[in-house]
Amino acid sequence: MISAEFAINREGDLIGFQIRGHANGEAGEDIVCAAVSSAAYMTANTITEVAGVDASVAVDEDGEMYLRIPRRDIAVCRDLLAGFKLHMLALEEQYPQDIQVNYTEV
């Protein structure tokens, strides 16, 4: 199962996410994994390369992705992170056996 965990600060602002795990399909052929990966990379690249935010981004060899934005860039990233969260929630609704969305206050 894929875990999409969104980090929220005390004020309720999205400040990042962590994606880990795999869906139940074959590697390289699973549409849920492809959808999650594509959306996560697009979000991270838009935040860092288009918006120019100095976010902390890491991807390990297993495909786990971590992204955190600095407090000063919350307003710049608000819509991007909200859109990514909505996409993950829609995937969770369509494929509840493959993805779970969680929230962690940090």
Protein backbone atom coordinates (compact mmCIF):
# COMPACT_ATOMS: atom_id res chain seq x y z
CA MET A 1 0.00 0.00 0.00
CA ILE A 2 1.11 3.55 -0.74
CA SER A 3 1.16 5.96 2.18
CA ALA A 4 0.79 9.66 1.41
CA GLU A 5 1.46 11.53 4.62
CA PHE A 6 0.96 15.30 4.67
CA ALA A 7 2.76 17.45 7.22
CA ILE A 8 0.71 20.26 8.73
CA ASN A 9 1.97 22.95 11.08
CA ARG A 10 0.11 24.12 14.21
CA GLU A 11 -1.69 26.80 12.20
CA GLY A 12 -3.11 24.16 9.84
CA ASP A 13 -0.88 24.98 6.86
CA LEU A 14 0.42 22.21 4.63
CA ILE A 15 4.21 22.28 4.81
CA GLY A 16 5.18 19.10 3.00
CA PHE A 17 4.60 15.44 2.39
CA GLN A 18 6.15 12.00 2.45
CA ILE A 19 5.21 9.28 -0.03
CA ARG A 20 6.26 5.69 0.61
CA GLY A 21 5.26 2.15 -0.26
CA HIS A 22 3.89 0.53 -3.37
CA ALA A 23 0.47 -0.33 -4.71
CA ASN A 24 -0.53 -3.93 -5.34
CA GLY A 25 0.20 -4.10 -9.06
CA GLU A 26 3.32 -5.25 -10.87
CA ALA A 27 6.27 -2.84 -10.72
CA GLY A 28 6.28 -0.59 -13.76
CA GLU A 29 2.71 -1.50 -14.69
CA ASP A 30 0.63 -0.14 -11.82
CA ILE A 31 -1.48 2.92 -12.65
CA VAL A 32 -1.82 3.98 -9.01
CA CYS A 33 1.94 4.04 -8.47
CA ALA A 34 2.38 5.88 -11.74
CA ALA A 35 -0.27 8.46 -10.82
CA VAL A 36 1.20 9.06 -7.36
CA SER A 37 4.79 9.26 -8.63
CA SER A 38 3.93 11.59 -11.48
CA ALA A 39 1.93 13.96 -9.28
CA ALA A 40 4.56 13.95 -6.50
CA TYR A 41 7.41 14.73 -8.91
CA MET A 42 5.36 17.43 -10.64
CA THR A 43 4.56 19.04 -7.29
CA ALA A 44 8.16 18.88 -6.07
CA ASN A 45 9.57 20.19 -9.37
CA THR A 46 7.04 23.02 -9.55
CA ILE A 47 7.82 24.08 -5.99
CA THR A 48 11.59 23.99 -6.43
CA GLU A 49 12.16 24.83 -10.10
CA VAL A 50 9.21 27.03 -11.06
CA ALA A 51 8.39 28.77 -7.78
CA GLY A 52 12.08 28.83 -6.76
CA VAL A 53 11.43 27.61 -3.22
CA ASP A 54 14.43 26.22 -1.35
CA ALA A 55 12.52 23.14 -0.19
CA SER A 56 14.08 20.10 1.39
CA VAL A 57 13.49 17.24 -1.06
CA ALA A 58 14.79 13.70 -0.87
CA VAL A 59 14.10 10.54 -2.87
CA ASP A 60 15.64 7.22 -1.88
CA GLU A 61 16.40 4.15 -3.98
CA ASP A 62 13.05 2.58 -3.06
CA GLY A 63 11.18 5.58 -4.45
CA GLU A 64 10.22 7.11 -1.11
CA MET A 65 9.87 10.89 -1.50
CA TYR A 66 10.06 13.53 1.21
CA LEU A 67 9.40 17.26 0.76
CA ARG A 68 9.31 20.09 3.33
CA ILE A 69 9.02 23.79 2.62
CA PRO A 70 10.43 26.62 4.73
CA ARG A 71 7.94 28.59 6.83
CA ARG A 72 8.60 31.73 4.77
CA ASP A 73 7.30 29.98 1.61
CA ILE A 74 3.98 28.65 2.92
CA ALA A 75 1.94 31.22 0.97
CA VAL A 76 3.82 30.50 -2.28
CA CYS A 77 3.27 26.73 -1.96
CA ARG A 78 -0.25 26.70 -0.48
CA ASP A 79 -2.13 26.05 -3.74
CA LEU A 80 0.42 23.56 -5.08
CA LEU A 81 0.34 21.43 -1.94
CA ALA A 82 -3.45 21.71 -1.68
CA GLY A 83 -3.83 20.53 -5.28
CA PHE A 84 -1.51 17.58 -4.67
CA LYS A 85 -3.44 16.68 -1.51
CA LEU A 86 -6.75 16.76 -3.42
CA HIS A 87 -5.25 14.50 -6.10
CA MET A 88 -4.07 12.01 -3.46
CA LEU A 89 -7.51 12.06 -1.77
CA ALA A 90 -9.20 11.37 -5.12
CA LEU A 91 -6.86 8.43 -5.74
CA GLU A 92 -7.55 7.14 -2.23
CA GLU A 93 -11.29 7.28 -2.93
CA GLN A 94 -10.89 5.41 -6.24
CA TYR A 95 -8.31 2.89 -5.03
CA PRO A 96 -8.75 2.48 -1.24
CA GLN A 97 -6.90 -0.84 -1.29
CA ASP A 98 -3.80 0.81 -2.81
CA ILE A 99 -3.35 4.21 -1.16
CA GLN A 100 -3.93 5.77 2.23
CA VAL A 101 -3.72 9.50 2.97
CA ASN A 102 -2.71 10.63 6.47
CA TYR A 103 -1.84 13.87 8.23
CA THR A 104 0.84 14.60 10.81
CA GLU A 105 1.13 17.80 12.80
CA VAL A 106 4.72 18.97 13.00
